[in-house]
Amino acid sequence: MNFHFQLPLTLSVIRTLLVEIAGEPYAFPLSRIDQILTLNFDDIHSVENRQYFSLNNQNIGLVRAEQVLELTSNSTPTEPLSVIVVSDQTNRYG
């Protein structure tokens, strides 16, 4: 018995950054990553219950990965925070 599994090249080879979130591995496409950095709590500001930080004179909204991925996490963020800045054609988030 033989099996042949054929994927289009665009689906079979994607460059990614692997990260661990809530104990599970997740892959971020490198084409969407603008920057990877660490922040201290002092670097984070809040307006109308939304957190952001400044990068190159631009405010970048912070979103917890657990919230986006709908994961439950009992962990408390520790300093420094690891942040991946991702973007699409119009928006940037960390």
PDB file of N, CA and C in Angstrom:
ATOM      1  N   MET A   1       0.837  -1.164   0.000  1.00  0.00           N
ATOM      2  CA  MET A   1       0.000   0.000   0.000  1.00  0.00           C
ATOM      3  C   MET A   1       0.891   1.238   0.000  1.00  0.00           C
ATOM      4  N   ASN A   2       0.670   2.133  -0.944  1.00  0.00           N
ATOM      5  CA  ASN A   2       1.428   3.378  -1.046  1.00  0.00           C
ATOM      6  C   ASN A   2       0.506   4.574  -0.896  1.00  0.00           C
ATOM      7  N   PHE A   3       1.018   5.587  -0.246  1.00  0.00           N
ATOM      8  CA  PHE A   3       0.301   6.852  -0.137  1.00  0.00           C
ATOM      9  C   PHE A   3       1.157   7.938  -0.753  1.00  0.00           C
ATOM     10  N   HIS A   4       0.539   8.792  -1.513  1.00  0.00           N
ATOM     11  CA  HIS A   4       1.228   9.956  -2.070  1.00  0.00           C
ATOM     12  C   HIS A   4       0.497  11.193  -1.587  1.00  0.00           C
ATOM     13  N   PHE A   5       1.246  12.065  -0.953  1.00  0.00           N
ATOM     14  CA  PHE A   5       0.671  13.297  -0.420  1.00  0.00           C
ATOM     15  C   PHE A   5       1.369  14.448  -1.115  1.00  0.00           C
ATOM     16  N   GLN A   6       0.625  15.211  -1.871  1.00  0.00           N
ATOM     17  CA  GLN A   6       1.217  16.293  -2.647  1.00  0.00           C
ATOM     18  C   GLN A   6       0.600  17.617  -2.206  1.00  0.00           C
ATOM     19  N   LEU A   7       1.468  18.551  -1.830  1.00  0.00           N
ATOM     20  CA  LEU A   7       1.028  19.889  -1.436  1.00  0.00           C
ATOM     21  C   LEU A   7       1.569  20.910  -2.422  1.00  0.00           C
ATOM     22  N   PRO A   8       0.814  21.956  -2.659  1.00  0.00           N
ATOM     23  CA  PRO A   8       1.391  23.051  -3.449  1.00  0.00           C
ATOM     24  C   PRO A   8       2.592  23.625  -2.700  1.00  0.00           C
ATOM     25  N   LEU A   9       3.564  24.102  -3.421  1.00  0.00           N
ATOM     26  CA  LEU A   9       4.783  24.613  -2.810  1.00  0.00           C
ATOM     27  C   LEU A   9       4.480  25.702  -1.792  1.00  0.00           C
ATOM     28  N   THR A  10       3.491  26.543  -2.057  1.00  0.00           N
ATOM     29  CA  THR A  10       3.178  27.635  -1.134  1.00  0.00           C
ATOM     30  C   THR A  10       2.666  27.125   0.206  1.00  0.00           C
ATOM     31  N   LEU A  11       2.103  25.945   0.264  1.00  0.00           N
ATOM     32  CA  LEU A  11       1.617  25.389   1.523  1.00  0.00           C
ATOM     33  C   LEU A  11       2.646  24.511   2.217  1.00  0.00           C
ATOM     34  N   SER A  12       3.584  23.995   1.473  1.00  0.00           N
ATOM     35  CA  SER A  12       4.523  23.053   2.061  1.00  0.00           C
ATOM     36  C   SER A  12       5.751  23.726   2.665  1.00  0.00           C
ATOM     37  N   VAL A  13       6.099  24.921   2.212  1.00  0.00           N
ATOM     38  CA  VAL A  13       7.283  25.601   2.718  1.00  0.00           C
ATOM     39  C   VAL A  13       6.910  27.034   3.089  1.00  0.00           C
ATOM     40  N   ILE A  14       6.773  27.271   4.381  1.00  0.00           N
ATOM     41  CA  ILE A  14       6.482  28.615   4.860  1.00  0.00           C
ATOM     42  C   ILE A  14       7.481  28.914   5.970  1.00  0.00           C
ATOM     43  N   ARG A  15       8.196  30.005   5.845  1.00  0.00           N
ATOM     44  CA  ARG A  15       9.154  30.380   6.879  1.00  0.00           C
ATOM     45  C   ARG A  15       8.401  30.976   8.059  1.00  0.00           C
ATOM     46  N   THR A  16       8.660  30.425   9.240  1.00  0.00           N
ATOM     47  CA  THR A  16       7.924  30.848  10.428  1.00  0.00           C
ATOM     48  C   THR A  16       8.858  31.023  11.618  1.00  0.00           C
ATOM     49  N   LEU A  17       8.351  31.734  12.607  1.00  0.00           N
ATOM     50  CA  LEU A  17       8.988  31.838  13.906  1.00  0.00           C
ATOM     51  C   LEU A  17       8.144  31.021  14.869  1.00  0.00           C
ATOM     52  N   LEU A  18       8.747  30.018  15.495  1.00  0.00           N
ATOM     53  CA  LEU A  18       8.026  29.190  16.463  1.00  0.00           C
ATOM     54  C   LEU A  18       8.156  29.800  17.851  1.00  0.00           C
ATOM     55  N   VAL A  19       7.023  29.956  18.526  1.00  0.00           N
ATOM     56  CA  VAL A  19       7.003  30.486  19.889  1.00  0.00           C
ATOM     57  C   VAL A  19       6.133  29.589  20.755  1.00  0.00           C
ATOM     58  N   GLU A  20       6.352  29.667  22.050  1.00  0.00           N
ATOM     59  CA  GLU A  20       5.527  28.904  22.982  1.00  0.00           C
ATOM     60  C   GLU A  20       4.568  29.855  23.687  1.00  0.00           C
ATOM     61  N   ILE A  21       3.287  29.545  23.597  1.00  0.00           N
ATOM     62  CA  ILE A  21       2.246  30.345  24.236  1.00  0.00           C
ATOM     63  C   ILE A  21       1.393  29.388  25.061  1.00  0.00           C
ATOM     64  N   ALA A  22       1.318  29.645  26.351  1.00  0.00           N
ATOM     65  CA  ALA A  22       0.551  28.797  27.278  1.00  0.00           C
ATOM     66  C   ALA A  22       0.954  27.328  27.147  1.00  0.00           C
ATOM     67  N   GLY A  23       2.253  27.095  26.942  1.00  0.00           N
ATOM     68  CA  GLY A  23       2.766  25.734  26.888  1.00  0.00           C
ATOM     69  C   GLY A  23       2.601  25.021  25.557  1.00  0.00           C
ATOM     70  N   GLU A  24       2.064  25.707  24.554  1.00  0.00           N
ATOM     71  CA  GLU A  24       1.849  25.098  23.238  1.00  0.00           C
ATOM     72  C   GLU A  24       2.654  25.842  22.172  1.00  0.00           C
ATOM     73  N   PRO A  25       3.158  25.132  21.147  1.00  0.00           N
ATOM     74  CA  PRO A  25       3.901  25.809  20.079  1.00  0.00           C
ATOM     75  C   PRO A  25       2.961  26.462  19.063  1.00  0.00           C
ATOM     76  N   TYR A  26       3.327  27.659  18.637  1.00  0.00           N
ATOM     77  CA  TYR A  26       2.593  28.381  17.597  1.00  0.00           C
ATOM     78  C   TYR A  26       3.604  28.947  16.615  1.00  0.00           C
ATOM     79  N   ALA A  27       3.192  29.064  15.357  1.00  0.00           N
ATOM     80  CA  ALA A  27       4.078  29.566  14.312  1.00  0.00           C
ATOM     81  C   ALA A  27       3.548  30.884  13.764  1.00  0.00           C
ATOM     82  N   PHE A  28       4.416  31.880  13.713  1.00  0.00           N
ATOM     83  CA  PHE A  28       4.097  33.172  13.107  1.00  0.00           C
ATOM     84  C   PHE A  28       4.810  33.248  11.764  1.00  0.00           C
ATOM     85  N   PRO A  29       4.100  33.542  10.676  1.00  0.00           N
ATOM     86  CA  PRO A  29       4.774  33.687   9.384  1.00  0.00           C
ATOM     87  C   PRO A  29       5.770  34.847   9.432  1.00  0.00           C
ATOM     88  N   LEU A  30       6.994  34.612   9.008  1.00  0.00           N
ATOM     89  CA  LEU A  30       8.007  35.663   9.031  1.00  0.00           C
ATOM     90  C   LEU A  30       7.608  36.864   8.184  1.00  0.00           C
ATOM     91  N   SER A  31       6.810  36.641   7.161  1.00  0.00           N
ATOM     92  CA  SER A  31       6.402  37.747   6.290  1.00  0.00           C
ATOM     93  C   SER A  31       5.511  38.755   7.011  1.00  0.00           C
ATOM     94  N   ARG A  32       4.932  38.387   8.153  1.00  0.00           N
ATOM     95  CA  ARG A  32       4.060  39.289   8.923  1.00  0.00           C
ATOM     96  C   ARG A  32       4.761  39.919  10.123  1.00  0.00           C
ATOM     97  N   ILE A  33       5.967  39.466  10.435  1.00  0.00           N
ATOM     98  CA  ILE A  33       6.679  39.967  11.608  1.00  0.00           C
ATOM     99  C   ILE A  33       7.506  41.186  11.227  1.00  0.00           C
ATOM    100  N   ASP A  34       7.243  42.303  11.934  1.00  0.00           N
ATOM    101  CA  ASP A  34       8.026  43.521  11.724  1.00  0.00           C
ATOM    102  C   ASP A  34       9.241  43.571  12.637  1.00  0.00           C
ATOM    103  N   GLN A  35       9.039  43.154  13.883  1.00  0.00           N
ATOM    104  CA  GLN A  35      10.104  43.277  14.864  1.00  0.00           C
ATOM    105  C   GLN A  35       9.803  42.389  16.064  1.00  0.00           C
ATOM    106  N   ILE A  36      10.863  41.962  16.736  1.00  0.00           N
ATOM    107  CA  ILE A  36      10.746  41.215  17.984  1.00  0.00           C
ATOM    108  C   ILE A  36      11.511  42.011  19.031  1.00  0.00           C
ATOM    109  N   LEU A  37      10.869  42.274  20.168  1.00  0.00           N
ATOM    110  CA  LEU A  37      11.525  43.081  21.188  1.00  0.00           C
ATOM    111  C   LEU A  37      11.065  42.691  22.577  1.00  0.00           C
ATOM    112  N   THR A  38      11.720  43.238  23.573  1.00  0.00           N
ATOM    113  CA  THR A  38      11.302  43.048  24.957  1.00  0.00           C
ATOM    114  C   THR A  38      10.926  44.401  25.532  1.00  0.00           C
ATOM    115  N   LEU A  39       9.895  44.405  26.364  1.00  0.00           N
ATOM    116  CA  LEU A  39       9.411  45.629  26.993  1.00  0.00           C
ATOM    117  C   LEU A  39       9.374  45.455  28.501  1.00  0.00           C
ATOM    118  N   ASN A  40       9.613  46.540  29.205  1.00  0.00           N
ATOM    119  CA  ASN A  40       9.377  46.591  30.641  1.00  0.00           C
ATOM    120  C   ASN A  40       7.980  47.147  30.865  1.00  0.00           C
ATOM    121  N   PHE A  41       7.427  46.894  32.034  1.00  0.00           N
ATOM    122  CA  PHE A  41       6.085  47.397  32.332  1.00  0.00           C
ATOM    123  C   PHE A  41       6.020  48.920  32.213  1.00  0.00           C
ATOM    124  N   ASP A  42       7.127  49.612  32.493  1.00  0.00           N
ATOM    125  CA  ASP A  42       7.159  51.078  32.383  1.00  0.00           C
ATOM    126  C   ASP A  42       6.981  51.555  30.948  1.00  0.00           C
ATOM    127  N   ASP A  43       7.252  50.696  29.967  1.00  0.00           N
ATOM    128  CA  ASP A  43       7.124  51.065  28.551  1.00  0.00           C
ATOM    129  C   ASP A  43       5.688  50.972  28.056  1.00  0.00           C
ATOM    130  N   ILE A  44       4.804  50.409  28.865  1.00  0.00           N
ATOM    131  CA  ILE A  44       3.422  50.165  28.445  1.00  0.00           C
ATOM    132  C   ILE A  44       2.510  51.240  29.021  1.00  0.00           C
ATOM    133  N   HIS A  45       1.684  51.808  28.156  1.00  0.00           N
ATOM    134  CA  HIS A  45       0.740  52.852  28.547  1.00  0.00           C
ATOM    135  C   HIS A  45      -0.675  52.343  28.306  1.00  0.00           C
ATOM    136  N   SER A  46      -1.637  53.002  28.926  1.00  0.00           N
ATOM    137  CA  SER A  46      -3.023  52.572  28.788  1.00  0.00           C
ATOM    138  C   SER A  46      -3.922  53.773  28.532  1.00  0.00           C
ATOM    139  N   VAL A  47      -4.793  53.642  27.535  1.00  0.00           N
ATOM    140  CA  VAL A  47      -5.804  54.646  27.224  1.00  0.00           C
ATOM    141  C   VAL A  47      -7.106  53.900  26.976  1.00  0.00           C
ATOM    142  N   GLU A  48      -8.156  54.275  27.702  1.00  0.00           N
ATOM    143  CA  GLU A  48      -9.476  53.649  27.565  1.00  0.00           C
ATOM    144  C   GLU A  48      -9.396  52.123  27.677  1.00  0.00           C
ATOM    145  N   ASN A  49      -8.650  51.650  28.664  1.00  0.00           N
ATOM    146  CA  ASN A  49      -8.474  50.216  28.929  1.00  0.00           C
ATOM    147  C   ASN A  49      -7.789  49.455  27.802  1.00  0.00           C
ATOM    148  N   ARG A  50      -7.083  50.146  26.942  1.00  0.00           N
ATOM    149  CA  ARG A  50      -6.303  49.495  25.877  1.00  0.00           C
ATOM    150  C   ARG A  50      -4.827  49.806  26.098  1.00  0.00           C
ATOM    151  N   GLN A  51      -4.024  48.762  26.058  1.00  0.00           N
ATOM    152  CA  GLN A  51      -2.598  48.945  26.280  1.00  0.00           C
ATOM    153  C   GLN A  51      -1.876  49.171  24.959  1.00  0.00           C
ATOM    154  N   TYR A  52      -0.834  49.991  25.028  1.00  0.00           N
ATOM    155  CA  TYR A  52      -0.014  50.241  23.846  1.00  0.00           C
ATOM    156  C   TYR A  52       1.398  50.602  24.295  1.00  0.00           C
ATOM    157  N   PHE A  53       2.320  50.603  23.343  1.00  0.00           N
ATOM    158  CA  PHE A  53       3.679  51.081  23.577  1.00  0.00           C
ATOM    159  C   PHE A  53       4.094  51.876  22.350  1.00  0.00           C
ATOM    160  N   SER A  54       5.134  52.680  22.499  1.00  0.00           N
ATOM    161  CA  SER A  54       5.611  53.507  21.389  1.00  0.00           C
ATOM    162  C   SER A  54       6.831  52.860  20.756  1.00  0.00           C
ATOM    163  N   LEU A  55       6.820  52.816  19.442  1.00  0.00           N
ATOM    164  CA  LEU A  55       7.937  52.277  18.672  1.00  0.00           C
ATOM    165  C   LEU A  55       8.163  53.200  17.487  1.00  0.00           C
ATOM    166  N   ASN A  56       9.330  53.817  17.432  1.00  0.00           N
ATOM    167  CA  ASN A  56       9.648  54.762  16.353  1.00  0.00           C
ATOM    168  C   ASN A  56       8.573  55.840  16.225  1.00  0.00           C
ATOM    169  N   ASN A  57       8.173  56.407  17.355  1.00  0.00           N
ATOM    170  CA  ASN A  57       7.160  57.473  17.419  1.00  0.00           C
ATOM    171  C   ASN A  57       5.792  57.040  16.911  1.00  0.00           C
ATOM    172  N   GLN A  58       5.518  55.760  16.910  1.00  0.00           N
ATOM    173  CA  GLN A  58       4.209  55.247  16.512  1.00  0.00           C
ATOM    174  C   GLN A  58       3.660  54.402  17.659  1.00  0.00           C
ATOM    175  N   ASN A  59       2.391  54.625  18.008  1.00  0.00           N
ATOM    176  CA  ASN A  59       1.759  53.831  19.057  1.00  0.00           C
ATOM    177  C   ASN A  59       1.327  52.482  18.490  1.00  0.00           C
ATOM    178  N   ILE A  60       1.743  51.420  19.166  1.00  0.00           N
ATOM    179  CA  ILE A  60       1.438  50.054  18.749  1.00  0.00           C
ATOM    180  C   ILE A  60       0.552  49.427  19.822  1.00  0.00           C
ATOM    181  N   GLY A  61      -0.628  48.972  19.443  1.00  0.00           N
ATOM    182  CA  GLY A  61      -1.532  48.336  20.395  1.00  0.00           C
ATOM    183  C   GLY A  61      -1.017  46.978  20.829  1.00  0.00           C
ATOM    184  N   LEU A  62      -1.168  46.692  22.113  1.00  0.00           N
ATOM    185  CA  LEU A  62      -0.769  45.397  22.662  1.00  0.00           C
ATOM    186  C   LEU A  62      -1.986  44.499  22.813  1.00  0.00           C
ATOM    187  N   VAL A  63      -1.839  43.265  22.392  1.00  0.00           N
ATOM    188  CA  VAL A  63      -2.900  42.273  22.514  1.00  0.00           C
ATOM    189  C   VAL A  63      -2.267  41.006  23.074  1.00  0.00           C
ATOM    190  N   ARG A  64      -2.848  40.465  24.139  1.00  0.00           N
ATOM    191  CA  ARG A  64      -2.321  39.221  24.712  1.00  0.00           C
ATOM    192  C   ARG A  64      -2.620  38.057  23.770  1.00  0.00           C
ATOM    193  N   ALA A  65      -1.617  37.243  23.521  1.00  0.00           N
ATOM    194  CA  ALA A  65      -1.782  36.095  22.629  1.00  0.00           C
ATOM    195  C   ALA A  65      -2.868  35.158  23.131  1.00  0.00           C
ATOM    196  N   GLU A  66      -2.954  34.984  24.442  1.00  0.00           N
ATOM    197  CA  GLU A  66      -3.980  34.106  25.008  1.00  0.00           C
ATOM    198  C   GLU A  66      -5.382  34.591  24.653  1.00  0.00           C
ATOM    199  N   GLN A  67      -5.550  35.903  24.591  1.00  0.00           N
ATOM    200  CA  GLN A  67      -6.852  36.476  24.245  1.00  0.00           C
ATOM    201  C   GLN A  67      -7.191  36.207  22.778  1.00  0.00           C
ATOM    202  N   VAL A  68      -6.241  36.435  21.904  1.00  0.00           N
ATOM    203  CA  VAL A  68      -6.469  36.238  20.470  1.00  0.00           C
ATOM    204  C   VAL A  68      -6.730  34.769  20.157  1.00  0.00           C
ATOM    205  N   LEU A  69      -5.981  33.891  20.801  1.00  0.00           N
ATOM    206  CA  LEU A  69      -6.089  32.457  20.532  1.00  0.00           C
ATOM    207  C   LEU A  69      -7.134  31.771  21.402  1.00  0.00           C
ATOM    208  N   GLU A  70      -7.824  32.555  22.228  1.00  0.00           N
ATOM    209  CA  GLU A  70      -8.864  32.044  23.128  1.00  0.00           C
ATOM    210  C   GLU A  70      -8.343  30.908  24.004  1.00  0.00           C
ATOM    211  N   LEU A  71      -7.197  31.157  24.631  1.00  0.00           N
ATOM    212  CA  LEU A  71      -6.582  30.188  25.527  1.00  0.00           C
ATOM    213  C   LEU A  71      -6.791  30.627  26.967  1.00  0.00           C
ATOM    214  N   THR A  72      -6.834  29.676  27.859  1.00  0.00           N
ATOM    215  CA  THR A  72      -6.879  30.019  29.274  1.00  0.00           C
ATOM    216  C   THR A  72      -5.465  29.954  29.821  1.00  0.00           C
ATOM    217  N   SER A  73      -5.096  30.993  30.537  1.00  0.00           N
ATOM    218  CA  SER A  73      -3.763  31.045  31.112  1.00  0.00           C
ATOM    219  C   SER A  73      -3.857  31.612  32.515  1.00  0.00           C
ATOM    220  N   ASN A  74      -3.279  30.908  33.452  1.00  0.00           N
ATOM    221  CA  ASN A  74      -3.253  31.370  34.831  1.00  0.00           C
ATOM    222  C   ASN A  74      -1.964  32.105  35.152  1.00  0.00           C
ATOM    223  N   SER A  75      -1.095  32.248  34.158  1.00  0.00           N
ATOM    224  CA  SER A  75       0.195  32.870  34.409  1.00  0.00           C
ATOM    225  C   SER A  75       0.069  34.391  34.438  1.00  0.00           C
ATOM    226  N   THR A  76       0.890  34.988  35.269  1.00  0.00           N
ATOM    227  CA  THR A  76       0.971  36.438  35.350  1.00  0.00           C
ATOM    228  C   THR A  76       2.164  36.875  34.512  1.00  0.00           C
ATOM    229  N   PRO A  77       1.992  37.895  33.671  1.00  0.00           N
ATOM    230  CA  PRO A  77       3.125  38.346  32.855  1.00  0.00           C
ATOM    231  C   PRO A  77       4.312  38.745  33.728  1.00  0.00           C
ATOM    232  N   THR A  78       5.490  38.391  33.277  1.00  0.00           N
ATOM    233  CA  THR A  78       6.708  38.751  33.988  1.00  0.00           C
ATOM    234  C   THR A  78       7.508  39.736  33.155  1.00  0.00           C
ATOM    235  N   GLU A  79       8.362  40.462  33.830  1.00  0.00           N
ATOM    236  CA  GLU A  79       9.188  41.447  33.160  1.00  0.00           C
ATOM    237  C   GLU A  79      10.530  40.822  32.834  1.00  0.00           C
ATOM    238  N   PRO A  80      11.142  41.086  31.725  1.00  0.00           N
ATOM    239  CA  PRO A  80      10.602  41.846  30.594  1.00  0.00           C
ATOM    240  C   PRO A  80       9.619  41.010  29.776  1.00  0.00           C
ATOM    241  N   LEU A  81       8.732  41.692  29.092  1.00  0.00           N
ATOM    242  CA  LEU A  81       7.740  41.033  28.236  1.00  0.00           C
ATOM    243  C   LEU A  81       8.328  40.815  26.854  1.00  0.00           C
ATOM    244  N   SER A  82       8.142  39.638  26.307  1.00  0.00           N
ATOM    245  CA  SER A  82       8.537  39.376  24.923  1.00  0.00           C
ATOM    246  C   SER A  82       7.381  39.787  24.021  1.00  0.00           C
ATOM    247  N   VAL A  83       7.690  40.607  23.022  1.00  0.00           N
ATOM    248  CA  VAL A  83       6.651  41.137  22.137  1.00  0.00           C
ATOM    249  C   VAL A  83       7.048  40.880  20.694  1.00  0.00           C
ATOM    250  N   ILE A  84       6.103  40.359  19.928  1.00  0.00           N
ATOM    251  CA  ILE A  84       6.281  40.198  18.486  1.00  0.00           C
ATOM    252  C   ILE A  84       5.376  41.226  17.825  1.00  0.00           C
ATOM    253  N   VAL A  85       5.956  42.133  17.063  1.00  0.00           N
ATOM    254  CA  VAL A  85       5.173  43.145  16.355  1.00  0.00           C
ATOM    255  C   VAL A  85       4.822  42.573  14.990  1.00  0.00           C
ATOM    256  N   VAL A  86       3.524  42.410  14.745  1.00  0.00           N
ATOM    257  CA  VAL A  86       3.038  41.858  13.480  1.00  0.00           C
ATOM    258  C   VAL A  86       2.218  42.920  12.766  1.00  0.00           C
ATOM    259  N   SER A  87       2.116  42.781  11.449  1.00  0.00           N
ATOM    260  CA  SER A  87       1.354  43.773  10.698  1.00  0.00           C
ATOM    261  C   SER A  87       0.719  43.148   9.474  1.00  0.00           C
ATOM    262  N   ASP A  88      -0.312  43.846   9.010  1.00  0.00           N
ATOM    263  CA  ASP A  88      -0.862  43.562   7.696  1.00  0.00           C
ATOM    264  C   ASP A  88      -0.649  44.840   6.891  1.00  0.00           C
ATOM    265  N   GLN A  89      -1.419  45.070   5.884  1.00  0.00           N
ATOM    266  CA  GLN A  89      -1.174  46.235   5.037  1.00  0.00           C
ATOM    267  C   GLN A  89      -1.492  47.558   5.724  1.00  0.00           C
ATOM    268  N   THR A  90      -2.354  47.547   6.745  1.00  0.00           N
ATOM    269  CA  THR A  90      -2.760  48.810   7.356  1.00  0.00           C
ATOM    270  C   THR A  90      -2.530  48.899   8.861  1.00  0.00           C
ATOM    271  N   ASN A  91      -2.387  47.800   9.565  1.00  0.00           N
ATOM    272  CA  ASN A  91      -2.317  47.821  11.027  1.00  0.00           C
ATOM    273  C   ASN A  91      -1.080  47.117  11.554  1.00  0.00           C
ATOM    274  N   ARG A  92      -0.641  47.575  12.745  1.00  0.00           N
ATOM    275  CA  ARG A  92       0.463  46.924  13.457  1.00  0.00           C
ATOM    276  C   ARG A  92       0.014  46.665  14.885  1.00  0.00           C
ATOM    277  N   TYR A  93       0.344  45.483  15.386  1.00  0.00           N
ATOM    278  CA  TYR A  93       0.017  45.110  16.758  1.00  0.00           C
ATOM    279  C   TYR A  93       1.195  44.381  17.379  1.00  0.00           C
ATOM    280  N   GLY A  94       1.253  44.401  18.697  1.00  0.00           N
ATOM    281  CA  GLY A  94       2.303  43.681  19.410  1.00  0.00           C
ATOM    282  C   GLY A  94       1.702  42.707  20.386  1.00  0.00           C
TER     283      GLY A  94
END
